């Protein structure tokens, strides 16, 4: 890994995304170079300019044009947080219809360490497809964190749990 490892932070449109700037601050303080890739809906919720100012990198939502340079350095680790029911199920099937899914699929194929923190309603987690798709991702090597780690009741402490999980990738 590089001296300051590059972390691709993939953000989907679930409640914890509204406070993702708190996690970005903690990741930077923990020594990561953070490159953000966000789903189209999450992009509507976030202050992309402020996040770009913090990270020093473009917050990506869309595919780059052929011939355009890569705006991010290669990743050492990938963190998907929060990751939604929709993203988990599409990702496990290899669907590549957004840049966020494309980055997750490519990272899986590149055998990068990937950590996923789902934030899924109980009703969706009980859907018959969900457990099987999580199992597919785990079998492929993704660390899918169980439980309700991203519960807003935990406040900023929830991000500490994410940071702690990532330390195993160093």
N, C-alpha and C. Protein backbone atom coordinates (compact mmCIF):
# COMPACT_ATOMS: atom_id res chain seq x y z
N UNK A 1 0.82 -1.19 0.00
CA UNK A 1 0.00 0.00 0.00
C UNK A 1 0.86 1.25 0.00
N UNK A 2 0.28 2.33 -0.44
CA UNK A 2 0.97 3.61 -0.46
C UNK A 2 1.13 4.13 0.97
N UNK A 3 1.98 5.16 1.11
CA UNK A 3 2.21 5.74 2.43
C UNK A 3 0.89 6.19 3.06
N UNK A 4 0.13 6.97 2.32
CA UNK A 4 -1.23 7.34 2.76
C UNK A 4 -2.16 6.60 1.83
N UNK A 5 -2.73 5.49 2.27
CA UNK A 5 -3.52 4.66 1.37
C UNK A 5 -4.74 5.39 0.83
N UNK A 6 -5.09 5.00 -0.40
CA UNK A 6 -6.24 5.59 -1.08
C UNK A 6 -7.47 4.75 -0.78
N UNK A 7 -8.50 5.42 -0.29
CA UNK A 7 -9.76 4.77 0.03
C UNK A 7 -10.84 5.32 -0.89
N UNK A 8 -11.48 4.42 -1.64
CA UNK A 8 -12.65 4.82 -2.41
C UNK A 8 -13.85 4.70 -1.49
N UNK A 9 -14.52 5.80 -1.26
CA UNK A 9 -15.71 5.85 -0.42
C UNK A 9 -16.92 5.92 -1.34
N UNK A 10 -17.67 4.81 -1.40
CA UNK A 10 -18.87 4.73 -2.23
C UNK A 10 -20.07 5.00 -1.33
N UNK A 11 -20.82 6.04 -1.65
CA UNK A 11 -21.92 6.49 -0.80
C UNK A 11 -23.23 6.34 -1.57
N UNK A 12 -24.19 5.65 -0.94
CA UNK A 12 -25.51 5.47 -1.53
C UNK A 12 -26.54 6.29 -0.76
N UNK A 13 -27.73 6.40 -1.32
CA UNK A 13 -28.77 7.27 -0.76
C UNK A 13 -29.54 6.57 0.35
N UNK A 14 -28.98 6.61 1.54
CA UNK A 14 -29.65 6.17 2.76
C UNK A 14 -29.34 7.22 3.82
N UNK A 15 -30.15 7.27 4.85
CA UNK A 15 -30.07 8.30 5.87
C UNK A 15 -28.68 8.70 6.32
N UNK A 16 -27.80 7.74 6.66
CA UNK A 16 -26.47 8.13 7.14
C UNK A 16 -25.65 8.96 6.14
N UNK A 17 -26.01 8.93 4.87
CA UNK A 17 -25.28 9.72 3.88
C UNK A 17 -25.34 11.22 4.19
N UNK A 18 -26.41 11.63 4.86
CA UNK A 18 -26.55 13.05 5.18
C UNK A 18 -25.43 13.56 6.09
N UNK A 19 -24.80 12.65 6.83
CA UNK A 19 -23.71 13.03 7.74
C UNK A 19 -22.37 12.48 7.29
N UNK A 20 -22.24 12.17 6.01
CA UNK A 20 -21.02 11.52 5.53
C UNK A 20 -19.79 12.41 5.69
N UNK A 21 -19.99 13.71 5.77
CA UNK A 21 -18.86 14.61 5.98
C UNK A 21 -18.15 14.31 7.30
N UNK A 22 -18.90 13.86 8.32
CA UNK A 22 -18.28 13.48 9.60
C UNK A 22 -17.33 12.30 9.39
N UNK A 23 -17.78 11.31 8.62
CA UNK A 23 -16.92 10.16 8.34
C UNK A 23 -15.71 10.57 7.52
N UNK A 24 -15.90 11.43 6.55
CA UNK A 24 -14.77 11.90 5.72
C UNK A 24 -13.71 12.54 6.61
N UNK A 25 -14.12 13.39 7.54
CA UNK A 25 -13.15 14.02 8.45
C UNK A 25 -12.37 12.98 9.24
N UNK A 26 -13.07 11.96 9.74
CA UNK A 26 -12.41 10.91 10.53
C UNK A 26 -11.47 10.08 9.68
N UNK A 27 -11.87 9.78 8.46
CA UNK A 27 -11.02 9.00 7.55
C UNK A 27 -9.72 9.75 7.24
N UNK A 28 -9.85 11.03 6.96
CA UNK A 28 -8.67 11.84 6.66
C UNK A 28 -7.76 11.91 7.89
N UNK A 29 -8.36 12.12 9.06
CA UNK A 29 -7.57 12.16 10.30
C UNK A 29 -6.89 10.83 10.58
N UNK A 30 -7.48 9.74 10.09
CA UNK A 30 -6.92 8.40 10.29
C UNK A 30 -5.86 8.06 9.24
N UNK A 31 -5.59 9.00 8.34
CA UNK A 31 -4.50 8.80 7.39
C UNK A 31 -4.89 8.31 6.01
N UNK A 32 -6.16 8.32 5.68
CA UNK A 32 -6.60 7.89 4.35
C UNK A 32 -6.67 9.06 3.38
N UNK A 33 -6.36 8.81 2.12
CA UNK A 33 -6.69 9.74 1.04
C UNK A 33 -8.05 9.28 0.53
N UNK A 34 -9.06 10.11 0.69
CA UNK A 34 -10.44 9.73 0.42
C UNK A 34 -10.87 10.23 -0.95
N UNK A 35 -11.33 9.29 -1.78
CA UNK A 35 -11.89 9.60 -3.10
C UNK A 35 -13.33 9.12 -3.08
N UNK A 36 -14.26 10.04 -3.31
CA UNK A 36 -15.68 9.71 -3.17
C UNK A 36 -16.34 9.43 -4.51
N UNK A 37 -17.16 8.38 -4.50
CA UNK A 37 -18.02 8.02 -5.62
C UNK A 37 -19.41 7.89 -5.01
N UNK A 38 -20.37 8.64 -5.52
CA UNK A 38 -21.70 8.65 -4.90
C UNK A 38 -22.76 8.30 -5.93
N UNK A 39 -23.83 7.68 -5.43
CA UNK A 39 -24.95 7.34 -6.31
C UNK A 39 -25.63 8.63 -6.76
N UNK A 40 -26.35 8.57 -7.88
CA UNK A 40 -27.02 9.78 -8.37
C UNK A 40 -27.96 10.41 -7.34
N UNK A 41 -28.70 9.60 -6.60
CA UNK A 41 -29.61 10.17 -5.61
C UNK A 41 -28.83 10.75 -4.43
N UNK A 42 -27.81 10.04 -3.96
CA UNK A 42 -27.00 10.58 -2.86
C UNK A 42 -26.37 11.91 -3.25
N UNK A 43 -26.01 12.06 -4.51
CA UNK A 43 -25.39 13.31 -4.97
C UNK A 43 -26.30 14.50 -4.75
N UNK A 44 -27.60 14.28 -4.80
CA UNK A 44 -28.56 15.37 -4.58
C UNK A 44 -28.60 15.81 -3.12
N UNK A 45 -28.19 14.94 -2.23
CA UNK A 45 -28.25 15.22 -0.79
C UNK A 45 -26.99 15.88 -0.25
N UNK A 46 -25.90 15.78 -0.98
CA UNK A 46 -24.59 16.15 -0.46
C UNK A 46 -24.10 17.48 -0.99
N UNK A 47 -23.27 18.14 -0.21
CA UNK A 47 -22.58 19.35 -0.65
C UNK A 47 -21.28 18.89 -1.29
N UNK A 48 -21.36 18.61 -2.58
CA UNK A 48 -20.21 18.04 -3.28
C UNK A 48 -19.01 18.98 -3.26
N UNK A 49 -19.24 20.26 -3.40
CA UNK A 49 -18.12 21.22 -3.40
C UNK A 49 -17.39 21.19 -2.06
N UNK A 50 -18.13 21.14 -0.96
CA UNK A 50 -17.49 21.09 0.36
C UNK A 50 -16.71 19.79 0.53
N UNK A 51 -17.27 18.68 0.06
CA UNK A 51 -16.57 17.39 0.16
C UNK A 51 -15.32 17.37 -0.71
N UNK A 52 -15.40 17.98 -1.88
CA UNK A 52 -14.22 18.07 -2.75
C UNK A 52 -13.14 18.91 -2.08
N UNK A 53 -13.56 19.97 -1.38
CA UNK A 53 -12.60 20.80 -0.66
C UNK A 53 -11.90 20.03 0.45
N UNK A 54 -12.64 19.17 1.13
CA UNK A 54 -12.05 18.37 2.21
C UNK A 54 -11.09 17.31 1.68
N UNK A 55 -11.51 16.62 0.61
CA UNK A 55 -10.73 15.47 0.13
C UNK A 55 -9.65 15.86 -0.87
N UNK A 56 -9.87 16.96 -1.58
CA UNK A 56 -8.94 17.34 -2.65
C UNK A 56 -9.19 16.60 -3.95
N UNK A 57 -10.27 15.83 -4.00
CA UNK A 57 -10.61 15.07 -5.21
C UNK A 57 -12.05 15.33 -5.62
N UNK A 58 -12.29 15.20 -6.91
CA UNK A 58 -13.63 15.30 -7.47
C UNK A 58 -14.54 14.27 -6.83
N UNK A 59 -15.75 14.67 -6.45
CA UNK A 59 -16.77 13.72 -6.00
C UNK A 59 -17.46 13.22 -7.27
N UNK A 60 -17.24 11.95 -7.57
CA UNK A 60 -17.72 11.40 -8.84
C UNK A 60 -19.13 10.83 -8.72
N UNK A 61 -19.93 11.11 -9.75
CA UNK A 61 -21.29 10.60 -9.84
C UNK A 61 -21.47 9.88 -11.18
N UNK A 62 -20.85 10.42 -12.20
CA UNK A 62 -21.05 9.91 -13.55
C UNK A 62 -19.75 9.34 -14.12
N UNK A 63 -19.93 8.50 -15.14
CA UNK A 63 -18.78 7.93 -15.84
C UNK A 63 -17.99 9.05 -16.51
N UNK A 64 -16.70 8.88 -16.62
CA UNK A 64 -15.89 9.85 -17.35
C UNK A 64 -16.03 9.56 -18.84
N UNK A 65 -15.73 10.54 -19.64
CA UNK A 65 -15.80 10.39 -21.10
C UNK A 65 -14.58 9.62 -21.59
N UNK A 66 -14.73 8.85 -22.67
CA UNK A 66 -13.56 8.15 -23.22
C UNK A 66 -12.45 9.16 -23.52
N UNK A 67 -11.25 8.81 -23.14
CA UNK A 67 -10.10 9.69 -23.36
C UNK A 67 -9.82 10.64 -22.21
N UNK A 68 -10.82 10.87 -21.34
CA UNK A 68 -10.58 11.72 -20.17
C UNK A 68 -9.70 10.98 -19.17
N UNK A 69 -8.83 11.70 -18.47
CA UNK A 69 -7.98 11.04 -17.47
C UNK A 69 -8.81 10.58 -16.27
N UNK A 70 -8.29 9.58 -15.58
CA UNK A 70 -8.91 9.14 -14.33
C UNK A 70 -8.79 10.27 -13.31
N UNK A 71 -9.88 10.68 -12.68
CA UNK A 71 -9.79 11.76 -11.70
C UNK A 71 -9.29 11.31 -10.32
N UNK A 72 -9.26 10.01 -10.08
CA UNK A 72 -8.82 9.48 -8.79
C UNK A 72 -7.62 8.57 -8.97
N UNK A 73 -6.71 8.55 -8.00
CA UNK A 73 -5.63 7.55 -8.04
C UNK A 73 -6.23 6.16 -7.79
N UNK A 74 -5.49 5.10 -8.13
CA UNK A 74 -6.01 3.75 -7.88
C UNK A 74 -6.26 3.51 -6.39
N UNK A 75 -7.31 2.76 -6.11
CA UNK A 75 -7.69 2.48 -4.72
C UNK A 75 -6.84 1.39 -4.11
N UNK A 76 -6.61 1.53 -2.81
CA UNK A 76 -6.03 0.46 -2.01
C UNK A 76 -7.13 -0.32 -1.29
N UNK A 77 -8.19 0.39 -0.92
CA UNK A 77 -9.31 -0.18 -0.16
C UNK A 77 -10.58 0.51 -0.63
N UNK A 78 -11.70 -0.22 -0.57
CA UNK A 78 -13.00 0.34 -0.93
C UNK A 78 -13.94 0.21 0.26
N UNK A 79 -14.65 1.29 0.54
CA UNK A 79 -15.62 1.33 1.62
C UNK A 79 -16.96 1.78 1.04
N UNK A 80 -17.97 0.95 1.16
CA UNK A 80 -19.32 1.30 0.72
C UNK A 80 -20.16 1.55 1.97
N UNK A 81 -20.48 2.83 2.18
CA UNK A 81 -21.23 3.21 3.37
C UNK A 81 -21.96 4.52 3.15
N UNK A 82 -23.23 4.62 3.39
CA UNK A 82 -24.13 3.50 3.58
C UNK A 82 -24.40 2.82 2.24
N UNK A 83 -24.62 1.53 2.29
CA UNK A 83 -24.98 0.80 1.07
C UNK A 83 -26.43 0.33 1.24
N UNK A 84 -27.21 0.50 0.20
CA UNK A 84 -28.65 0.25 0.26
C UNK A 84 -29.02 -1.15 -0.21
N UNK A 85 -30.26 -1.52 0.05
CA UNK A 85 -30.83 -2.78 -0.45
C UNK A 85 -30.65 -2.86 -1.97
N UNK A 86 -31.00 -1.81 -2.65
CA UNK A 86 -30.90 -1.77 -4.11
C UNK A 86 -29.47 -2.02 -4.57
N UNK A 87 -28.52 -1.36 -3.94
CA UNK A 87 -27.12 -1.52 -4.33
C UNK A 87 -26.61 -2.91 -4.02
N UNK A 88 -26.92 -3.44 -2.85
CA UNK A 88 -26.48 -4.80 -2.49
C UNK A 88 -26.99 -5.81 -3.51
N UNK A 89 -28.27 -5.74 -3.84
CA UNK A 89 -28.84 -6.75 -4.74
C UNK A 89 -28.29 -6.59 -6.15
N UNK A 90 -28.16 -5.38 -6.64
CA UNK A 90 -27.61 -5.18 -7.99
C UNK A 90 -26.13 -5.56 -8.05
N UNK A 91 -25.38 -5.17 -7.03
CA UNK A 91 -23.94 -5.45 -6.98
C UNK A 91 -23.69 -6.95 -7.03
N UNK A 92 -24.42 -7.71 -6.24
CA UNK A 92 -24.24 -9.16 -6.20
C UNK A 92 -24.56 -9.81 -7.54
N UNK A 93 -25.42 -9.17 -8.32
CA UNK A 93 -25.77 -9.68 -9.65
C UNK A 93 -24.84 -9.15 -10.74
N UNK A 94 -23.93 -8.25 -10.40
CA UNK A 94 -23.01 -7.70 -11.39
C UNK A 94 -23.61 -6.62 -12.25
N UNK A 95 -24.70 -6.03 -11.83
CA UNK A 95 -25.34 -4.95 -12.60
C UNK A 95 -24.49 -3.70 -12.44
N UNK A 96 -24.29 -3.00 -13.56
CA UNK A 96 -23.32 -1.91 -13.64
C UNK A 96 -23.98 -0.64 -14.16
N UNK A 97 -25.15 -0.28 -13.65
CA UNK A 97 -25.90 0.82 -14.25
C UNK A 97 -25.65 2.20 -13.63
N UNK A 98 -24.77 2.29 -12.66
CA UNK A 98 -24.33 3.59 -12.14
C UNK A 98 -22.82 3.52 -11.94
N UNK A 99 -22.19 4.65 -11.84
CA UNK A 99 -20.75 4.66 -11.57
C UNK A 99 -20.45 3.99 -10.23
N UNK A 100 -21.28 4.24 -9.22
CA UNK A 100 -21.05 3.62 -7.91
C UNK A 100 -21.02 2.10 -8.03
N UNK A 101 -21.99 1.53 -8.73
CA UNK A 101 -21.99 0.07 -8.93
C UNK A 101 -20.81 -0.36 -9.79
N UNK A 102 -20.47 0.42 -10.78
CA UNK A 102 -19.33 0.08 -11.62
C UNK A 102 -18.04 0.00 -10.83
N UNK A 103 -17.83 0.97 -9.93
CA UNK A 103 -16.64 0.96 -9.08
C UNK A 103 -16.65 -0.25 -8.16
N UNK A 104 -17.80 -0.55 -7.57
CA UNK A 104 -17.89 -1.72 -6.69
C UNK A 104 -17.63 -3.01 -7.45
N UNK A 105 -18.19 -3.14 -8.65
CA UNK A 105 -17.98 -4.34 -9.45
C UNK A 105 -16.52 -4.48 -9.88
N UNK A 106 -15.93 -3.40 -10.36
CA UNK A 106 -14.52 -3.44 -10.77
C UNK A 106 -13.61 -3.76 -9.58
N UNK A 107 -13.91 -3.19 -8.44
CA UNK A 107 -13.09 -3.43 -7.25
C UNK A 107 -13.17 -4.89 -6.81
N UNK A 108 -14.33 -5.47 -6.94
CA UNK A 108 -14.50 -6.89 -6.62
C UNK A 108 -13.68 -7.73 -7.58
N UNK A 109 -13.72 -7.39 -8.85
CA UNK A 109 -12.94 -8.11 -9.85
C UNK A 109 -11.44 -7.93 -9.68
N UNK A 110 -11.04 -6.78 -9.12
CA UNK A 110 -9.62 -6.49 -8.89
C UNK A 110 -9.11 -7.09 -7.58
N UNK A 111 -9.99 -7.73 -6.84
CA UNK A 111 -9.64 -8.37 -5.57
C UNK A 111 -9.12 -7.37 -4.54
N UNK A 112 -9.69 -6.17 -4.55
CA UNK A 112 -9.35 -5.17 -3.53
C UNK A 112 -10.09 -5.49 -2.23
N UNK A 113 -9.54 -5.11 -1.09
CA UNK A 113 -10.31 -5.23 0.15
C UNK A 113 -11.53 -4.31 0.07
N UNK A 114 -12.70 -4.86 0.34
CA UNK A 114 -13.95 -4.08 0.28
C UNK A 114 -14.73 -4.29 1.57
N UNK A 115 -15.17 -3.19 2.14
CA UNK A 115 -16.00 -3.20 3.34
C UNK A 115 -17.34 -2.56 2.99
N UNK A 116 -18.43 -3.23 3.35
CA UNK A 116 -19.77 -2.72 3.05
C UNK A 116 -20.57 -2.63 4.35
N UNK A 117 -21.16 -1.48 4.56
CA UNK A 117 -22.00 -1.23 5.73
C UNK A 117 -23.41 -0.93 5.25
N UNK A 118 -24.26 -1.96 5.17
CA UNK A 118 -25.63 -1.73 4.72
C UNK A 118 -26.44 -0.90 5.72
N UNK A 119 -27.33 -0.12 5.17
CA UNK A 119 -28.35 0.57 5.95
C UNK A 119 -29.66 0.27 5.24
N UNK A 120 -30.34 -0.76 5.74
CA UNK A 120 -31.49 -1.33 5.06
C UNK A 120 -32.64 -1.46 6.05
N UNK A 121 -33.84 -1.05 5.64
CA UNK A 121 -35.02 -1.22 6.48
C UNK A 121 -35.22 -2.70 6.79
N UNK A 122 -35.79 -2.98 7.95
CA UNK A 122 -36.05 -4.36 8.36
C UNK A 122 -36.90 -5.09 7.33
N UNK A 123 -37.87 -4.40 6.76
CA UNK A 123 -38.75 -5.03 5.76
C UNK A 123 -37.97 -5.45 4.52
N UNK A 124 -37.01 -4.63 4.11
CA UNK A 124 -36.19 -4.99 2.94
C UNK A 124 -35.16 -6.05 3.29
N UNK A 125 -34.61 -5.99 4.48
CA UNK A 125 -33.65 -7.02 4.90
C UNK A 125 -34.33 -8.39 4.97
N UNK A 126 -35.64 -8.41 5.20
CA UNK A 126 -36.39 -9.67 5.26
C UNK A 126 -36.80 -10.17 3.88
N UNK A 127 -36.58 -9.38 2.86
CA UNK A 127 -36.91 -9.80 1.49
C UNK A 127 -36.12 -11.07 1.15
N UNK A 128 -36.73 -12.04 0.48
CA UNK A 128 -36.03 -13.30 0.21
C UNK A 128 -34.75 -13.15 -0.60
N UNK A 129 -34.62 -12.13 -1.39
CA UNK A 129 -33.41 -11.96 -2.21
C UNK A 129 -32.22 -11.43 -1.41
N UNK A 130 -32.50 -10.71 -0.34
CA UNK A 130 -31.43 -9.96 0.33
C UNK A 130 -30.36 -10.86 0.94
N UNK A 131 -30.75 -11.81 1.77
CA UNK A 131 -29.76 -12.66 2.45
C UNK A 131 -28.89 -13.40 1.44
N UNK A 132 -29.48 -13.85 0.36
CA UNK A 132 -28.71 -14.56 -0.66
C UNK A 132 -27.71 -13.66 -1.35
N UNK A 133 -28.08 -12.42 -1.60
CA UNK A 133 -27.17 -11.48 -2.26
C UNK A 133 -26.02 -11.09 -1.32
N UNK A 134 -26.32 -10.91 -0.05
CA UNK A 134 -25.26 -10.65 0.93
C UNK A 134 -24.30 -11.83 0.97
N UNK A 135 -24.84 -13.04 0.94
CA UNK A 135 -24.00 -14.25 0.95
C UNK A 135 -23.09 -14.31 -0.28
N UNK A 136 -23.60 -13.90 -1.43
CA UNK A 136 -22.78 -13.87 -2.66
C UNK A 136 -21.61 -12.91 -2.47
N UNK A 137 -21.87 -11.73 -1.95
CA UNK A 137 -20.81 -10.74 -1.75
C UNK A 137 -19.78 -11.24 -0.74
N UNK A 138 -20.26 -11.83 0.34
CA UNK A 138 -19.32 -12.37 1.34
C UNK A 138 -18.46 -13.49 0.75
N UNK A 139 -19.08 -14.35 -0.04
CA UNK A 139 -18.33 -15.45 -0.66
C UNK A 139 -17.26 -14.92 -1.61
N UNK A 140 -17.50 -13.73 -2.16
CA UNK A 140 -16.53 -13.11 -3.06
C UNK A 140 -15.46 -12.34 -2.30
N UNK A 141 -15.56 -12.28 -0.98
CA UNK A 141 -14.53 -11.63 -0.17
C UNK A 141 -14.90 -10.28 0.41
N UNK A 142 -16.10 -9.79 0.13
CA UNK A 142 -16.52 -8.50 0.69
C UNK A 142 -16.81 -8.68 2.18
N UNK A 143 -16.32 -7.77 2.99
CA UNK A 143 -16.66 -7.77 4.41
C UNK A 143 -17.96 -6.97 4.54
N UNK A 144 -19.06 -7.69 4.72
CA UNK A 144 -20.36 -7.06 4.89
C UNK A 144 -20.65 -7.05 6.38
N UNK A 145 -20.75 -5.87 6.96
CA UNK A 145 -20.91 -5.73 8.40
C UNK A 145 -22.37 -5.90 8.77
N UNK A 146 -22.62 -6.82 9.69
CA UNK A 146 -23.97 -7.10 10.17
C UNK A 146 -24.45 -6.02 11.12
N UNK A 147 -25.72 -6.09 11.38
CA UNK A 147 -26.28 -5.26 12.43
C UNK A 147 -26.62 -3.86 11.95
N UNK A 148 -26.97 -3.08 12.91
CA UNK A 148 -27.42 -1.72 12.63
C UNK A 148 -26.35 -0.72 13.06
N UNK A 149 -25.13 -0.95 12.59
CA UNK A 149 -23.99 -0.11 12.97
C UNK A 149 -24.24 1.36 12.64
N UNK A 150 -24.98 1.61 11.58
CA UNK A 150 -25.18 3.00 11.14
C UNK A 150 -26.41 3.66 11.76
N UNK A 151 -26.98 3.04 12.77
CA UNK A 151 -28.16 3.59 13.42
C UNK A 151 -27.87 5.01 13.91
N UNK A 152 -28.73 5.96 13.53
CA UNK A 152 -28.50 7.35 13.94
C UNK A 152 -28.46 7.54 15.45
N UNK A 153 -29.08 6.64 16.21
CA UNK A 153 -29.08 6.74 17.66
C UNK A 153 -27.65 6.71 18.21
N UNK A 154 -26.75 6.04 17.48
CA UNK A 154 -25.35 5.95 17.92
C UNK A 154 -24.60 7.26 17.71
N UNK A 155 -25.18 8.17 16.93
CA UNK A 155 -24.54 9.46 16.67
C UNK A 155 -23.18 9.28 16.01
N UNK A 156 -22.23 10.16 16.31
CA UNK A 156 -20.91 10.08 15.69
C UNK A 156 -20.16 8.79 16.01
N UNK A 157 -20.55 8.09 17.09
CA UNK A 157 -19.88 6.84 17.44
C UNK A 157 -20.00 5.80 16.33
N UNK A 158 -21.06 5.88 15.54
CA UNK A 158 -21.23 4.89 14.46
C UNK A 158 -20.05 4.96 13.49
N UNK A 159 -19.53 6.14 13.26
CA UNK A 159 -18.41 6.26 12.33
C UNK A 159 -17.13 5.66 12.91
N UNK A 160 -16.99 5.71 14.22
CA UNK A 160 -15.83 5.08 14.86
C UNK A 160 -15.80 3.58 14.61
N UNK A 161 -16.97 2.96 14.56
CA UNK A 161 -17.05 1.53 14.27
C UNK A 161 -16.60 1.24 12.84
N UNK A 162 -16.91 2.14 11.93
CA UNK A 162 -16.48 1.99 10.54
C UNK A 162 -14.95 2.12 10.46
N UNK A 163 -14.41 3.14 11.10
CA UNK A 163 -12.95 3.35 11.10
C UNK A 163 -12.23 2.13 11.66
N UNK A 164 -12.74 1.61 12.75
CA UNK A 164 -12.11 0.45 13.39
C UNK A 164 -12.09 -0.76 12.45
N UNK A 165 -13.17 -0.99 11.73
CA UNK A 165 -13.21 -2.11 10.78
C UNK A 165 -12.17 -1.94 9.68
N UNK A 166 -11.99 -0.71 9.21
CA UNK A 166 -11.04 -0.44 8.13
C UNK A 166 -9.59 -0.66 8.53
N UNK A 167 -9.30 -0.51 9.79
CA UNK A 167 -7.90 -0.64 10.24
C UNK A 167 -7.33 -2.01 9.94
N UNK A 168 -8.18 -3.01 9.81
CA UNK A 168 -7.69 -4.36 9.49
C UNK A 168 -7.15 -4.45 8.06
N UNK A 169 -7.46 -3.46 7.23
CA UNK A 169 -7.01 -3.47 5.83
C UNK A 169 -5.63 -2.85 5.66
N UNK A 170 -5.07 -2.31 6.70
CA UNK A 170 -3.77 -1.64 6.59
C UNK A 170 -2.63 -2.60 6.66
